[in-house]
Every structure is written in structure tokens, then in C-alpha cells.
């Protein structure tokens, strides 16, 4: 069975997707490990959030130009 991500931690000032998680519990655990001084700049969102989608649109445009397969945010990165 394939891994399917449901949550992501994003860095709000730039929209960078920090990492993706299968459950809210995993995301919260990782969120608590972020330095408290900068934690307010991060946010846990659903993988379907428009911020996540726009980030992967940008990433996939660059990957296609480099001849690499695009990334689906719900599944692990493809092997190259």
C-alpha cells in the first residue's frame, strides 16, 4: 500500500512546504520540535490547501524544465 500524505507544515513568509505527514499526530509532533522563537512563522495545513498546491506547481514547473518527473504532493517523491 502506498503512503499518502494528508498534512503539511509550511513556512508562512515564503510558502515553502517544510515537510509532509500522514497523520495530524505526526505533524503536531514535528511542529513541537520547531524552535519556539520561530514557531509562529510555521503552520500545519491540509495537503489540499491552496498554498501547498501553488508551491508544488512552482516546483513542478522547474522539475519539468530539468527533465525530472513532477511531484504529487499526496505521495512520496518519485525515484529518479
Foldseek 3Di string as FASTA:
>chain_A
DFAFFWKFKAQQVVLHTPDTHNDPVVVVVVLVVPPPVRSVRIDMDTCPDPSNVVNQVVVQVVCVVVVHHGDDSTGDGDDD
